[in-house]
Amino acid sequence: MILVLGIAVALIRAKRPEQPARPVPTPSYTNLHGIGEPIPATGFVQSLITGGYAFVAAIDHEVAAVTALDAATGRRLWTHALDGRRLGHPYLHLMDGHLILNDLITTGSGGMTEHVEVLDPASGATRWRHDLGQRDHAYVTDGVYLAVGPDNALTGFDWNTGEVRWGLPAGPKLIYEIADRSGGGIDADHGILDYLHGASHFYRAETGGTIREYNLADGRPTGHSWTGAPAAIPDDSFAYHGKLYLVSTERLSTFDLGGDGPSVAYAILPPTPGFHTANLLLPSVLPCAGDAICLRAGLKVVLLRAGATPVVQDMATFDFVLPVGDTIYLYNGPIFDRDLRPILPAEVGATTTVGVDDGRAVLALDETQGQPDDTTRAMKLWLFDPATGKVVGLGGLPSKPHAMVVGQRRLIAVTTDTATLYAY
């Protein structure tokens, strides 16, 4: 799933015209100020600010390293070089005292496989690591590290030791129960919010239309099961608040698993003529605005509530829908309230949402547009409170587009060769 999202982002960015780089204006600092010393960061870079730490993971020429800073002072705590030849964008989580790095590692046969490495956030020491098979993929949950093998064989690994906690044989299709999106860090490289699958259970769809519920902690059936489900469950389907959301490129519908999620149905219209379907990642369906479902189909964003007429907004371009609480963000565009009404002031209408920090969005405007994405730009920043509509200017800083993260009133900006921690 992470890989597909990353590929979609790469395709979108590839459409932008390549132009000669222009000098980056010297930014003015108002409410922003750098803390600590910039750290080297070249190649593919991923950052995370949480739990009193600021982490930067970088993969350059297949060599990877992770650096940790004290988020309050910017003091460098440690840098840990990772073994093995690495590929692609790293992916970071901090969970229950574990720093988790997901990425891709090359194999001896010249292929690549998904890799997880769990570090001590205080020291950077490796606690354990695991390489999946070439046909395997994984879900990071707050209960276990869940590896999905060929034909949906499942293995649950203990986060503390890396040892196998339980296993289930191949066969029934996995359906995961997604968590409420309480975080606000936006992972631009993967096109998703930085959040974990936080439910305590999951489901498997058996032949004949039976859905069975399992405990995530021990892999055992809970005793709850349902019959009459569709015999073929589409790949992008998921469960949320006791409803199974059946997602295909043509329609969205629900199957009741005894919960309180909204029961919705919607016919997905074909994409806009002339729009490159390879960039669509159809469809994108997410819980949003408390009791609703957001669906992005082509160039439309649709808000669905049980018993209500769908609310539709036409967008000019493809974008990511990122719900946080009752607010619905488009990564490169408008911000909406819980009824899909635009609330972003016109003065900052052309900005990108960097992230949502304690309920307030950090917005960025690229003041040197038209340059390749791997060049440093002059970025102007604002803080927007969706509850009040108030906008506060933060000043400017140099950064690559899509290379800033926020959290705990801190911001990491990545330039061509460094990552810098800022306070605001």
Protein backbone atom coordinates (compact mmCIF):
# COMPACT_ATOMS: atom_id res chain seq x y z
CA MET A 1 0.00 0.00 0.00
CA ILE A 2 2.78 2.45 0.92
CA LEU A 3 4.64 1.67 -2.30
CA VAL A 4 1.60 2.25 -4.52
CA LEU A 5 0.93 5.62 -2.90
CA GLY A 6 4.56 6.65 -3.31
CA ILE A 7 4.50 5.70 -7.00
CA ALA A 8 1.36 7.79 -7.52
CA VAL A 9 3.07 10.84 -5.99
CA ALA A 10 6.09 10.32 -8.22
CA LEU A 11 3.88 10.20 -11.31
CA ILE A 12 2.12 13.41 -10.36
CA ARG A 13 5.36 15.25 -9.75
CA ALA A 14 6.82 13.94 -12.99
CA LYS A 15 4.22 15.94 -14.92
CA ARG A 16 5.62 19.26 -13.73
CA PRO A 17 7.80 21.09 -16.24
CA GLU A 18 11.54 21.03 -15.66
CA GLN A 19 12.95 24.57 -15.76
CA PRO A 20 16.38 25.97 -14.98
CA ALA A 21 16.81 26.60 -11.27
CA ARG A 22 16.62 30.22 -10.16
CA PRO A 23 18.43 31.62 -7.14
CA VAL A 24 16.47 31.20 -3.91
CA PRO A 25 15.74 34.55 -2.24
CA THR A 26 17.06 34.95 1.27
CA PRO A 27 14.02 34.27 3.49
CA SER A 28 12.96 36.60 6.26
CA TYR A 29 12.30 35.10 9.68
CA THR A 30 9.52 36.43 11.87
CA ASN A 31 8.02 33.82 14.18
CA LEU A 32 10.30 31.02 12.93
CA HIS A 33 13.80 30.47 14.29
CA GLY A 34 16.23 27.61 13.80
CA ILE A 35 17.30 25.63 16.85
CA GLY A 36 20.34 23.40 17.00
CA GLU A 37 22.67 22.79 14.07
CA PRO A 38 21.52 21.63 10.63
CA ILE A 39 22.22 17.94 10.02
CA PRO A 40 23.34 16.35 6.74
CA ALA A 41 20.38 14.91 4.82
CA THR A 42 20.66 13.98 1.15
CA GLY A 43 18.77 11.58 -1.08
CA PHE A 44 15.37 10.30 0.08
CA VAL A 45 14.55 11.98 3.41
CA GLN A 46 11.72 11.34 5.86
CA SER A 47 11.20 13.25 9.12
CA LEU A 48 9.04 12.86 12.21
CA ILE A 49 8.43 15.10 15.26
CA THR A 50 6.75 13.38 18.19
CA GLY A 51 7.24 12.35 21.81
CA GLY A 52 9.80 15.08 22.50
CA TYR A 53 12.03 13.93 19.63
CA ALA A 54 12.72 15.05 16.07
CA PHE A 55 13.90 12.25 13.76
CA VAL A 56 15.40 12.46 10.28
CA ALA A 57 15.93 9.32 8.17
CA ALA A 58 17.88 9.66 4.93
CA ILE A 59 18.74 7.15 2.19
CA ASP A 60 21.41 8.29 -0.25
CA HIS A 61 23.00 5.96 -2.83
CA GLU A 62 21.47 2.98 -0.99
CA VAL A 63 23.11 4.01 2.32
CA ALA A 64 20.73 4.86 5.18
CA ALA A 65 21.11 6.70 8.48
CA VAL A 66 18.73 7.98 11.15
CA THR A 67 19.44 11.03 13.33
CA ALA A 68 17.55 12.01 16.49
CA LEU A 69 17.33 15.51 17.97
CA ASP A 70 15.89 16.78 21.22
CA ALA A 71 12.79 18.59 19.94
CA ALA A 72 12.92 21.21 22.71
CA THR A 73 16.52 22.33 22.18
CA GLY A 74 17.60 20.96 18.81
CA ARG A 75 20.52 19.15 20.44
CA ARG A 76 21.67 16.15 18.44
CA LEU A 77 21.19 12.96 20.47
CA TRP A 78 22.55 10.31 18.11
CA THR A 79 23.08 9.23 14.51
CA HIS A 80 22.68 5.57 13.63
CA ALA A 81 23.94 4.11 10.33
CA LEU A 82 21.75 1.24 9.10
CA ASP A 83 23.12 -1.96 7.61
CA GLY A 84 22.23 -3.16 4.13
CA ARG A 85 21.57 -1.51 0.78
CA ARG A 86 18.38 0.57 1.02
CA LEU A 87 15.93 1.71 -1.63
CA GLY A 88 13.00 4.11 -1.75
CA HIS A 89 11.56 6.45 0.84
CA PRO A 90 11.94 5.49 4.50
CA TYR A 91 8.85 5.56 6.68
CA LEU A 92 9.02 6.47 10.40
CA HIS A 93 6.78 5.82 13.42
CA LEU A 94 7.25 6.32 17.14
CA MET A 95 5.04 3.94 19.07
CA ASP A 96 5.06 2.74 22.69
CA GLY A 97 8.73 3.59 23.18
CA HIS A 98 9.86 2.14 19.84
CA LEU A 99 11.19 4.03 16.82
CA ILE A 100 10.06 2.07 13.78
CA LEU A 101 11.67 2.41 10.36
CA ASN A 102 9.96 0.78 7.35
CA ASP A 103 11.79 0.82 4.04
CA LEU A 104 12.96 -1.39 1.18
CA ILE A 105 16.20 -3.36 1.22
CA THR A 106 17.97 -5.09 -1.67
CA THR A 107 18.37 -8.84 -1.64
CA GLY A 108 21.26 -11.00 -2.76
CA SER A 109 19.36 -12.02 -5.89
CA GLY A 110 19.05 -8.43 -7.04
CA GLY A 111 15.44 -8.04 -5.95
CA MET A 112 14.04 -5.97 -3.11
CA THR A 113 11.94 -6.69 -0.07
CA GLU A 114 10.17 -4.72 2.65
CA HIS A 115 12.20 -4.26 5.82
CA VAL A 116 11.38 -3.16 9.36
CA GLU A 117 13.92 -2.03 11.93
CA VAL A 118 13.02 -1.12 15.52
CA LEU A 119 15.37 1.31 17.32
CA ASP A 120 15.67 2.64 20.86
CA PRO A 121 14.61 6.30 20.45
CA ALA A 122 16.90 7.41 23.29
CA SER A 123 20.11 5.79 22.01
CA GLY A 124 19.50 4.73 18.39
CA ALA A 125 20.49 1.13 19.17
CA THR A 126 18.77 -1.54 17.07
CA ARG A 127 16.37 -3.64 19.13
CA TRP A 128 15.41 -5.99 16.31
CA ARG A 129 14.93 -6.11 12.56
CA HIS A 130 12.96 -8.22 10.14
CA ASP A 131 13.13 -8.67 6.37
CA LEU A 132 9.93 -9.80 4.69
CA GLY A 133 9.77 -12.12 1.72
CA GLN A 134 9.66 -10.58 -1.74
CA ARG A 135 5.92 -11.22 -2.00
CA ASP A 136 5.16 -10.05 1.55
CA HIS A 137 4.02 -6.70 2.89
CA ALA A 138 3.33 -5.38 6.37
CA TYR A 139 0.97 -3.26 8.44
CA VAL A 140 2.23 -1.23 11.38
CA THR A 141 -0.39 -1.44 14.12
CA ASP A 142 -0.30 -0.41 17.76
CA GLY A 143 -0.72 -4.05 18.81
CA VAL A 144 1.66 -6.10 16.67
CA TYR A 145 3.78 -5.80 13.57
CA LEU A 146 1.54 -7.66 11.11
CA ALA A 147 3.23 -9.33 8.14
CA VAL A 148 1.04 -10.47 5.24
CA GLY A 149 2.52 -13.29 3.19
CA PRO A 150 1.50 -14.99 -0.06
CA ASP A 151 -2.22 -15.81 -0.27
CA ASN A 152 -2.91 -13.78 2.90
CA ALA A 153 -0.94 -15.90 5.37
CA LEU A 154 -0.57 -13.72 8.51
CA THR A 155 2.17 -13.43 11.13
CA GLY A 156 2.01 -11.19 14.19
CA PHE A 157 5.38 -10.07 15.61
CA ASP A 158 5.90 -8.77 19.15
CA TRP A 159 7.03 -5.13 19.09
CA ASN A 160 9.29 -5.54 22.14
CA THR A 161 11.26 -8.61 21.03
CA GLY A 162 10.61 -9.11 17.33
CA GLU A 163 9.58 -12.70 18.05
CA VAL A 164 6.59 -14.31 16.36
CA ARG A 165 3.54 -13.98 18.61
CA TRP A 166 1.06 -15.82 16.38
CA GLY A 167 0.43 -17.01 12.84
CA LEU A 168 -2.54 -17.84 10.62
CA PRO A 169 -2.39 -19.98 7.48
CA ALA A 170 -2.99 -18.72 3.97
CA GLY A 171 -6.52 -18.48 2.64
CA PRO A 172 -9.09 -15.89 3.78
CA LYS A 173 -8.60 -12.31 2.64
CA LEU A 174 -7.39 -9.82 5.28
CA ILE A 175 -9.66 -6.86 6.05
CA TYR A 176 -8.12 -4.39 8.48
CA GLU A 177 -10.06 -2.09 10.80
CA ILE A 178 -8.59 1.39 10.42
CA ALA A 179 -8.21 3.78 13.33
CA ASP A 180 -9.64 7.24 13.77
CA ARG A 181 -7.16 9.71 12.35
CA SER A 182 -6.17 11.64 15.44
CA GLY A 183 -2.73 12.70 14.23
CA GLY A 184 -1.94 15.49 11.84
CA GLY A 185 1.52 14.83 10.42
CA ILE A 186 1.27 14.56 6.63
CA ASP A 187 3.55 12.06 4.93
CA ALA A 188 3.79 13.75 1.55
CA ASP A 189 6.03 11.13 -0.03
CA HIS A 190 3.45 8.40 0.60
CA GLY A 191 0.38 10.61 0.20
CA ILE A 192 -1.15 9.77 3.56
CA LEU A 193 -1.47 11.01 7.10
CA ASP A 194 1.11 9.66 9.52
CA TYR A 195 -1.10 7.40 11.58
CA LEU A 196 -1.27 3.78 12.71
CA HIS A 197 -3.87 1.08 12.28
CA GLY A 198 -5.10 1.35 15.86
CA ALA A 199 -7.98 -1.11 16.14
CA SER A 200 -7.67 -4.14 18.43
CA HIS A 201 -9.06 -6.56 15.86
CA PHE A 202 -9.14 -7.44 12.18
CA TYR A 203 -11.33 -9.51 9.86
CA ARG A 204 -10.87 -12.29 7.32
CA ALA A 205 -13.23 -12.91 4.40
CA GLU A 206 -13.73 -16.63 3.88
CA THR A 207 -15.09 -18.39 0.82
CA GLY A 208 -18.86 -18.44 0.66
CA GLY A 209 -19.32 -14.89 1.98
CA THR A 210 -18.44 -15.39 5.67
CA ILE A 211 -16.58 -12.60 7.52
CA ARG A 212 -14.84 -13.62 10.75
CA GLU A 213 -13.36 -11.29 13.40
CA TYR A 214 -9.96 -11.93 15.06
CA ASN A 215 -8.03 -10.41 17.96
CA LEU A 216 -4.95 -8.57 16.81
CA ALA A 217 -3.05 -9.38 20.03
CA ASP A 218 -3.18 -13.18 19.73
CA GLY A 219 -4.60 -13.93 16.27
CA ARG A 220 -7.52 -15.87 17.73
CA PRO A 221 -11.16 -15.60 16.56
CA THR A 222 -13.31 -13.42 18.81
CA GLY A 223 -16.37 -15.59 18.18
CA HIS A 224 -18.07 -12.95 16.02
CA SER A 225 -18.83 -13.80 12.40
CA TRP A 226 -21.23 -12.68 9.66
CA THR A 227 -22.63 -14.41 6.60
CA GLY A 228 -24.03 -13.04 3.36
CA ALA A 229 -21.05 -10.84 2.47
CA PRO A 230 -20.00 -10.62 -1.20
CA ALA A 231 -17.99 -13.63 -2.31
CA ALA A 232 -15.27 -11.38 -3.77
CA ILE A 233 -14.04 -8.50 -1.59
CA PRO A 234 -12.31 -5.71 -3.60
CA ASP A 235 -8.66 -5.12 -2.67
CA ASP A 236 -9.10 -1.55 -1.37
CA SER A 237 -11.91 -2.48 1.03
CA PHE A 238 -11.58 -1.80 4.76
CA ALA A 239 -13.56 -1.90 8.00
CA TYR A 240 -14.37 1.12 10.14
CA HIS A 241 -16.57 1.28 13.26
CA GLY A 242 -18.13 -2.10 12.50
CA LYS A 243 -18.92 -1.49 8.83
CA LEU A 244 -17.19 -3.14 5.88
CA TYR A 245 -16.60 -0.56 3.13
CA LEU A 246 -16.51 -2.31 -0.25
CA VAL A 247 -14.44 -0.12 -2.55
CA SER A 248 -14.03 -0.61 -6.29
CA THR A 249 -13.34 1.74 -9.19
CA GLU A 250 -17.08 1.77 -9.96
CA ARG A 251 -18.93 1.95 -6.64
CA LEU A 252 -18.75 2.24 -2.87
CA SER A 253 -21.10 0.26 -0.65
CA THR A 254 -21.20 -1.06 2.92
CA PHE A 255 -21.82 -4.36 4.65
CA ASP A 256 -22.91 -4.21 8.30
CA LEU A 257 -20.62 -5.87 10.86
CA GLY A 258 -22.74 -4.77 13.79
CA GLY A 259 -21.16 -1.37 14.34
CA ASP A 260 -22.05 2.32 14.16
CA GLY A 261 -20.15 3.43 11.07
CA PRO A 262 -22.21 5.18 8.39
CA SER A 263 -23.99 2.94 5.86
CA VAL A 264 -23.37 4.58 2.51
CA ALA A 265 -23.64 3.80 -1.19
CA TYR A 266 -22.25 5.80 -4.09
CA ALA A 267 -21.71 5.20 -7.81
CA ILE A 268 -18.24 6.43 -8.75
CA LEU A 269 -18.27 8.39 -11.98
CA PRO A 270 -15.55 7.74 -14.57
CA PRO A 271 -12.55 10.09 -14.51
CA THR A 272 -12.59 13.40 -16.33
CA PRO A 273 -11.78 12.91 -20.05
CA GLY A 274 -8.18 13.75 -20.79
CA PHE A 275 -7.01 13.25 -17.21
CA HIS A 276 -4.21 10.68 -17.00
CA THR A 277 -5.77 7.70 -15.17
CA ALA A 278 -2.34 6.44 -14.06
CA ASN A 279 -2.27 9.37 -11.65
CA LEU A 280 -5.65 8.67 -10.08
CA LEU A 281 -5.07 5.91 -7.54
CA LEU A 282 -8.82 5.24 -7.79
CA PRO A 283 -10.62 5.40 -5.55
CA SER A 284 -9.55 7.06 -2.30
CA VAL A 285 -12.04 6.51 0.53
CA LEU A 286 -11.48 7.71 4.10
CA PRO A 287 -13.53 8.25 7.26
CA CYS A 288 -13.83 12.00 7.80
CA ALA A 289 -15.65 14.77 9.66
CA GLY A 290 -16.66 12.60 12.59
CA ASP A 291 -19.54 10.59 11.15
CA ALA A 292 -18.96 10.74 7.40
CA ILE A 293 -16.98 9.15 4.60
CA CYS A 294 -14.88 11.18 2.16
CA LEU A 295 -14.37 9.82 -1.32
CA ARG A 296 -12.10 11.20 -4.01
CA ALA A 297 -13.13 10.04 -7.47
CA GLY A 298 -11.28 11.62 -10.36
CA LEU A 299 -11.38 15.38 -9.87
CA LYS A 300 -14.27 15.29 -7.38
CA VAL A 301 -14.33 15.16 -3.59
CA VAL A 302 -17.53 13.63 -2.22
CA LEU A 303 -18.83 13.75 1.37
CA LEU A 304 -21.17 10.90 2.30
CA ARG A 305 -23.37 10.65 5.40
CA ALA A 306 -25.98 8.01 6.10
CA GLY A 307 -29.41 9.23 4.98
CA ALA A 308 -28.10 12.47 3.47
CA THR A 309 -27.63 13.65 -0.09
CA PRO A 310 -23.97 13.39 -1.15
CA VAL A 311 -22.09 16.70 -1.11
CA VAL A 312 -19.76 17.09 -4.10
CA GLN A 313 -16.92 19.53 -4.70
CA ASP A 314 -15.27 19.74 -8.12
CA MET A 315 -11.50 20.16 -7.95
CA ALA A 316 -9.25 21.59 -10.64
CA THR A 317 -6.52 18.98 -10.12
CA PHE A 318 -5.80 15.64 -8.52
CA ASP A 319 -5.14 15.98 -4.78
CA PHE A 320 -4.92 14.04 -1.53
CA VAL A 321 -7.85 14.21 0.88
CA LEU A 322 -6.54 14.42 4.46
CA PRO A 323 -9.18 14.48 7.22
CA VAL A 324 -8.12 15.60 10.70
CA GLY A 325 -10.91 15.74 13.28
CA ASP A 326 -13.87 17.65 11.82
CA THR A 327 -11.69 19.43 9.24
CA ILE A 328 -11.06 18.10 5.73
CA TYR A 329 -7.82 19.18 4.07
CA LEU A 330 -6.71 18.88 0.51
CA TYR A 331 -2.95 18.66 0.54
CA ASN A 332 -2.41 21.14 -2.30
CA GLY A 333 -5.69 23.01 -2.15
CA PRO A 334 -8.79 24.02 -0.21
CA ILE A 335 -9.66 23.29 3.41
CA PHE A 336 -13.25 22.36 4.25
CA ASP A 337 -15.43 22.16 7.36
CA ARG A 338 -17.36 19.03 8.34
CA ASP A 339 -20.02 19.78 5.67
CA LEU A 340 -17.47 20.23 2.87
CA ARG A 341 -17.81 24.01 2.87
CA PRO A 342 -14.57 25.90 2.02
CA ILE A 343 -13.11 27.72 5.02
CA LEU A 344 -9.59 28.64 3.87
CA PRO A 345 -9.20 32.45 3.62
CA ALA A 346 -8.50 33.81 0.16
CA GLU A 347 -5.20 35.34 1.32
CA VAL A 348 -3.70 31.86 1.69
CA GLY A 349 -5.77 30.08 -0.95
CA ALA A 350 -2.85 28.80 -3.05
CA THR A 351 -0.96 27.10 -0.24
CA THR A 352 -0.01 23.53 0.61
CA THR A 353 -0.91 22.02 3.98
CA VAL A 354 2.37 21.03 5.63
CA GLY A 355 0.68 19.43 8.65
CA VAL A 356 -1.77 19.96 11.48
CA ASP A 357 -0.21 20.74 14.85
CA ASP A 358 -2.49 20.80 17.91
CA GLY A 359 -5.53 21.60 15.77
CA ARG A 360 -3.87 24.34 13.72
CA ALA A 361 -2.63 23.88 10.15
CA VAL A 362 0.79 25.01 8.97
CA LEU A 363 0.43 26.24 5.38
CA ALA A 364 3.23 26.86 2.88
CA LEU A 365 3.47 28.87 -0.33
CA ASP A 366 6.27 28.16 -2.80
CA GLU A 367 7.53 31.61 -3.80
CA THR A 368 9.86 30.20 -6.49
CA GLN A 369 7.43 27.97 -8.39
CA GLY A 370 8.29 26.21 -11.62
CA GLN A 371 11.52 24.64 -10.36
CA PRO A 372 12.28 20.88 -10.14
CA ASP A 373 11.07 19.29 -6.93
CA ASP A 374 14.58 18.34 -5.84
CA THR A 375 15.70 21.97 -5.59
CA THR A 376 15.50 24.22 -2.55
CA ARG A 377 12.86 26.96 -2.72
CA ALA A 378 11.86 30.00 -0.72
CA MET A 379 8.79 28.91 1.26
CA LYS A 380 6.44 31.37 2.98
CA LEU A 381 4.48 29.97 5.95
CA TRP A 382 1.26 30.68 7.85
CA LEU A 383 -0.55 29.15 10.81
CA PHE A 384 -4.29 28.66 10.23
CA ASP A 385 -6.82 27.86 12.96
CA PRO A 386 -9.87 26.20 11.30
CA ALA A 387 -11.99 26.75 14.44
CA THR A 388 -11.67 30.55 14.29
CA GLY A 389 -10.53 31.22 10.72
CA LYS A 390 -7.53 33.18 12.07
CA VAL A 391 -4.34 33.26 10.00
CA VAL A 392 -0.94 34.17 11.48
CA GLY A 393 2.15 34.72 9.33
CA LEU A 394 5.20 32.70 10.36
CA GLY A 395 7.70 34.18 7.92
CA GLY A 396 9.81 32.18 5.49
CA LEU A 397 12.52 29.57 5.21
CA PRO A 398 14.40 27.61 2.55
CA SER A 399 13.13 24.09 1.87
CA LYS A 400 12.28 21.61 -0.82
CA PRO A 401 8.55 21.35 -1.54
CA HIS A 402 6.87 18.40 0.17
CA ALA A 403 9.85 18.17 2.55
CA MET A 404 8.56 19.79 5.74
CA VAL A 405 6.92 18.18 8.78
CA VAL A 406 5.44 19.74 11.91
CA GLY A 407 4.63 18.72 15.48
CA GLN A 408 4.91 20.07 19.02
CA ARG A 409 5.34 23.65 17.67
CA ARG A 410 8.40 22.51 15.77
CA LEU A 411 9.08 22.21 12.05
CA ILE A 412 11.73 20.30 10.10
CA ALA A 413 12.66 21.69 6.68
CA VAL A 414 14.87 19.76 4.25
CA THR A 415 17.05 21.55 1.71
CA THR A 416 19.31 20.07 -0.95
CA ASP A 417 21.75 18.68 1.60
CA THR A 418 20.57 19.44 5.16
CA ALA A 419 17.62 19.16 7.51
CA THR A 420 17.00 21.97 10.02
CA LEU A 421 14.73 22.06 13.06
CA TYR A 422 12.75 25.27 13.60
CA ALA A 423 10.59 26.51 16.47
CA TYR A 424 7.49 28.69 16.02
